[in-house]
Amino acid sequence: MFRSRLISSIILLIAFLSAFLLKGYFGLLVFLVIGTILSILCVRELSSALKNIGYCSFANVTEIFAAIVFIGIILTEISSINFNVVLLVGGMFGIYCWIKVLLSKNNKESLIMAITSSSVFILTVIPLNCLTLIYMKGYFESYVGVNLVLLLILVTKFGDIGAYSVGTLMSKRDSGNHKIVPSISPKKSWEGTIGGAIISII
C-alpha cells in the first residue's frame, strides 16, 4: 500500500512539476493538458461514487463542460478577455440539463439526474478552477500564482505521505493508534493526522 502510494505520488509530482518548473507557453501547455485530464477525472470520480449509491447523472456531458470551463479560463486569462467563463459555461450546462428534463419521458428520473449533474459540476468545477485562476496570477511576469499552487500541492502531498507513514509506524505499537472516526474511516488516526500536519508545516 505504501509503495503504490509513494510511486503514484512521485509520478504526480513529476507531472505537476513539469507544469510548474517549465515557464512560458510550453509550461502553460503542459498545465492545460494535465488540468483538462484532471477536470474530467474529478467529475468522473464523483459521478461514479454517486452512481454507486443510486444517483445517476449526465456524467459524460458534465465531464465535457468541466473541461470547457478549465480551457476557457486559461484562454481568457492569456488573451485578457474580460468575461466570466464559469458563469457562461455553467449557465449553458444548466440550460442543457433543463432541456433534458423537459424532453424526457420520465421527468422524475431526469430531474434527479439534472440535480446530481449540477451538484457534481458545482462541487468539482468551481473549487478546481479557483486554483486555475491562482495559477494564472502573474503568468508571463512574476509567476507568483504558479509558485502558490506549487506550494499547495507540495504541502498536500507531503502531508499525505507523512500522515500515512507516521500512522503506519505508530500503529505497530502494542497500544495501537487512537482512531478519529472508525465508523467512517477505520484507518485514520490522531497520530497520523498530527504527523501529517507537522510534516506539512516543515
Protein backbone atom coordinates (compact mmCIF):
# COMPACT_ATOMS: atom_id res chain seq x y z
CA MET A 1 0.00 0.00 0.00
CA PHE A 2 2.73 2.44 1.00
CA ARG A 3 4.82 1.53 -2.05
CA SER A 4 1.95 2.09 -4.50
CA ARG A 5 1.03 5.38 -2.82
CA LEU A 6 4.64 6.54 -2.93
CA ILE A 7 5.00 5.62 -6.63
CA SER A 8 1.75 7.39 -7.57
CA SER A 9 2.83 10.44 -5.58
CA ILE A 10 6.19 10.56 -7.38
CA ILE A 11 4.51 10.26 -10.80
CA LEU A 12 2.03 13.01 -9.95
CA LEU A 13 4.79 15.24 -8.62
CA ILE A 14 6.86 14.81 -11.80
CA ALA A 15 3.84 15.65 -13.97
CA PHE A 16 2.92 18.68 -11.89
CA LEU A 17 6.50 19.87 -11.52
CA SER A 18 6.75 19.93 -15.31
CA ALA A 19 3.82 22.35 -15.41
CA PHE A 20 5.33 24.48 -12.67
CA LEU A 21 9.04 24.49 -13.47
CA LEU A 22 8.65 24.97 -17.23
CA LYS A 23 7.76 28.58 -17.90
CA GLY A 24 6.14 30.39 -20.81
CA TYR A 25 3.80 28.87 -23.33
CA PHE A 26 5.26 25.36 -23.10
CA GLY A 27 4.69 25.20 -19.33
CA LEU A 28 1.19 26.56 -19.85
CA LEU A 29 0.50 23.87 -22.46
CA VAL A 30 1.60 21.14 -20.03
CA PHE A 31 -0.67 22.65 -17.35
CA LEU A 32 -3.52 22.84 -19.86
CA VAL A 33 -3.23 19.14 -20.75
CA ILE A 34 -2.86 17.97 -17.14
CA GLY A 35 -5.64 20.25 -15.90
CA THR A 36 -8.06 19.14 -18.61
CA ILE A 37 -7.45 15.47 -17.79
CA LEU A 38 -7.83 16.12 -14.06
CA SER A 39 -11.04 18.10 -14.60
CA ILE A 40 -12.54 15.12 -16.43
CA LEU A 41 -11.24 12.58 -13.89
CA CYS A 42 -12.56 14.53 -10.88
CA VAL A 43 -16.03 14.76 -12.39
CA ARG A 44 -15.91 11.09 -13.37
CA GLU A 45 -14.83 10.03 -9.87
CA LEU A 46 -17.61 11.93 -8.10
CA SER A 47 -20.23 10.88 -10.68
CA SER A 48 -19.18 7.25 -10.25
CA ALA A 49 -19.37 7.48 -6.44
CA LEU A 50 -22.87 8.96 -6.63
CA LYS A 51 -23.96 6.34 -9.15
CA ASN A 52 -22.88 3.61 -6.72
CA ILE A 53 -25.39 4.90 -4.17
CA GLY A 54 -28.18 5.21 -6.72
CA TYR A 55 -27.82 8.77 -8.06
CA CYS A 56 -27.19 8.73 -11.81
CA SER A 57 -26.14 11.83 -13.74
CA PHE A 58 -25.30 13.13 -17.20
CA ALA A 59 -21.71 12.14 -16.45
CA ASN A 60 -20.18 12.34 -19.94
CA VAL A 61 -21.68 15.75 -20.70
CA THR A 62 -20.66 17.06 -17.27
CA GLU A 63 -17.08 15.97 -17.98
CA ILE A 64 -17.11 17.86 -21.30
CA PHE A 65 -18.44 21.04 -19.69
CA ALA A 66 -15.86 20.76 -16.89
CA ALA A 67 -13.06 20.57 -19.48
CA ILE A 68 -14.52 23.52 -21.41
CA VAL A 69 -14.57 25.67 -18.27
CA PHE A 70 -10.93 24.89 -17.50
CA ILE A 71 -9.72 25.50 -21.06
CA GLY A 72 -11.89 28.62 -21.33
CA ILE A 73 -10.40 30.16 -18.19
CA ILE A 74 -6.86 29.61 -19.48
CA LEU A 75 -7.66 31.10 -22.89
CA THR A 76 -9.47 34.15 -21.49
CA GLU A 77 -6.67 34.81 -19.00
CA ILE A 78 -3.88 34.77 -21.62
CA SER A 79 -5.93 36.84 -24.08
CA SER A 80 -7.17 39.27 -21.41
CA ILE A 81 -10.80 38.77 -22.46
CA ASN A 82 -12.99 40.07 -19.66
CA PHE A 83 -15.93 37.73 -19.08
CA ASN A 84 -16.77 35.04 -16.56
CA VAL A 85 -16.25 31.64 -18.17
CA VAL A 86 -17.66 29.76 -15.17
CA LEU A 87 -20.95 31.67 -15.29
CA LEU A 88 -21.21 31.43 -19.08
CA VAL A 89 -20.47 27.71 -19.40
CA GLY A 90 -22.28 26.93 -16.13
CA GLY A 91 -25.36 28.66 -17.48
CA MET A 92 -25.14 26.68 -20.72
CA PHE A 93 -24.78 23.49 -18.71
CA GLY A 94 -27.84 24.39 -16.64
CA ILE A 95 -29.85 25.01 -19.82
CA TYR A 96 -28.72 21.64 -21.20
CA CYS A 97 -29.87 19.86 -18.02
CA TRP A 98 -33.31 21.50 -18.07
CA ILE A 99 -33.80 20.73 -21.76
CA LYS A 100 -33.04 17.08 -20.97
CA VAL A 101 -35.67 17.19 -18.22
CA LEU A 102 -38.29 18.83 -20.44
CA LEU A 103 -37.75 16.42 -23.33
CA SER A 104 -37.62 13.33 -21.15
CA LYS A 105 -40.42 10.79 -20.92
CA ASN A 106 -39.50 10.14 -17.31
CA ASN A 107 -39.32 13.62 -15.82
CA LYS A 108 -38.65 12.49 -12.26
CA GLU A 109 -35.61 10.40 -13.21
CA SER A 110 -34.26 13.13 -15.48
CA LEU A 111 -34.78 15.75 -12.79
CA ILE A 112 -32.73 13.67 -10.34
CA MET A 113 -30.01 13.28 -12.98
CA ALA A 114 -30.06 17.03 -13.66
CA ILE A 115 -29.75 17.87 -9.95
CA THR A 116 -26.98 15.29 -9.48
CA SER A 117 -25.08 16.58 -12.53
CA SER A 118 -25.41 20.18 -11.35
CA SER A 119 -24.15 19.20 -7.90
CA VAL A 120 -21.14 17.41 -9.39
CA PHE A 121 -20.42 20.46 -11.57
CA ILE A 122 -20.60 22.86 -8.61
CA LEU A 123 -18.62 20.66 -6.22
CA THR A 124 -15.76 19.97 -8.63
CA VAL A 125 -15.53 22.64 -11.33
CA ILE A 126 -15.75 25.77 -9.18
CA PRO A 127 -13.17 24.79 -6.49
CA LEU A 128 -10.73 23.36 -9.03
CA ASN A 129 -10.85 26.45 -11.20
CA CYS A 130 -10.20 28.73 -8.24
CA LEU A 131 -6.77 27.07 -8.38
CA THR A 132 -6.60 27.78 -12.12
CA LEU A 133 -7.20 31.48 -11.50
CA ILE A 134 -4.50 31.49 -8.82
CA TYR A 135 -2.10 29.67 -11.18
CA MET A 136 -2.63 32.29 -13.90
CA LYS A 137 -1.93 35.18 -11.50
CA GLY A 138 1.15 36.99 -12.80
CA TYR A 139 1.79 34.42 -15.54
CA PHE A 140 4.49 35.53 -18.04
CA GLU A 141 5.65 38.08 -15.43
CA SER A 142 6.30 37.17 -11.78
CA TYR A 143 4.72 33.66 -11.90
CA VAL A 144 3.57 34.23 -8.31
CA GLY A 145 0.40 32.19 -8.91
CA VAL A 146 2.41 29.24 -10.20
CA ASN A 147 4.51 29.25 -7.05
CA LEU A 148 1.47 29.46 -4.77
CA VAL A 149 -0.25 26.46 -6.39
CA LEU A 150 3.03 24.52 -6.38
CA LEU A 151 3.36 25.20 -2.64
CA LEU A 152 -0.19 23.96 -2.06
CA ILE A 153 0.46 20.72 -3.98
CA LEU A 154 3.76 20.02 -2.23
CA VAL A 155 2.30 20.68 1.23
CA THR A 156 -0.69 18.44 0.47
CA LYS A 157 1.31 15.54 -0.95
CA PHE A 158 3.98 15.60 1.76
CA GLY A 159 1.24 15.83 4.37
CA ASP A 160 -0.47 12.78 2.85
CA ILE A 161 2.76 10.76 2.78
CA GLY A 162 3.65 11.95 6.29
CA ALA A 163 0.25 11.07 7.72
CA TYR A 164 0.36 7.60 6.19
CA SER A 165 3.97 6.96 7.31
CA VAL A 166 3.51 8.19 10.88
CA GLY A 167 0.13 6.49 11.23
CA THR A 168 1.53 3.17 9.97
CA LEU A 169 4.59 3.30 12.23
CA MET A 170 2.58 4.26 15.31
CA SER A 171 0.03 1.50 14.66
CA LYS A 172 2.76 -1.10 15.30
CA ARG A 173 2.87 -0.18 18.98
CA ASP A 174 1.21 -2.50 21.46
CA SER A 175 -1.42 0.12 22.24
CA GLY A 176 -2.03 0.80 18.54
CA ASN A 177 -3.42 4.08 17.20
CA HIS A 178 -6.11 6.40 18.50
CA LYS A 179 -8.77 6.34 15.78
CA ILE A 180 -10.56 9.54 14.82
CA VAL A 181 -13.88 8.28 13.43
CA PRO A 182 -13.64 4.47 12.98
CA SER A 183 -17.17 4.18 11.56
CA ILE A 184 -16.29 6.43 8.60
CA SER A 185 -12.56 5.87 8.09
CA PRO A 186 -11.18 2.98 10.18
CA LYS A 187 -7.51 3.67 9.38
CA LYS A 188 -7.43 7.41 10.07
CA SER A 189 -5.73 8.13 13.39
CA TRP A 190 -4.83 11.15 15.51
CA GLU A 191 -1.17 10.10 15.33
CA GLY A 192 -1.21 10.15 11.54
CA THR A 193 -3.09 13.45 11.44
CA ILE A 194 -0.62 15.16 13.77
CA GLY A 195 2.36 13.64 11.93
CA GLY A 196 1.00 14.77 8.55
CA ALA A 197 0.37 18.29 9.87
CA ILE A 198 3.91 18.59 11.26
CA ILE A 199 5.49 17.37 8.02
CA SER A 200 3.25 19.74 6.01
CA ILE A 201 4.41 22.67 8.14
CA ILE A 202 8.07 21.65 7.74
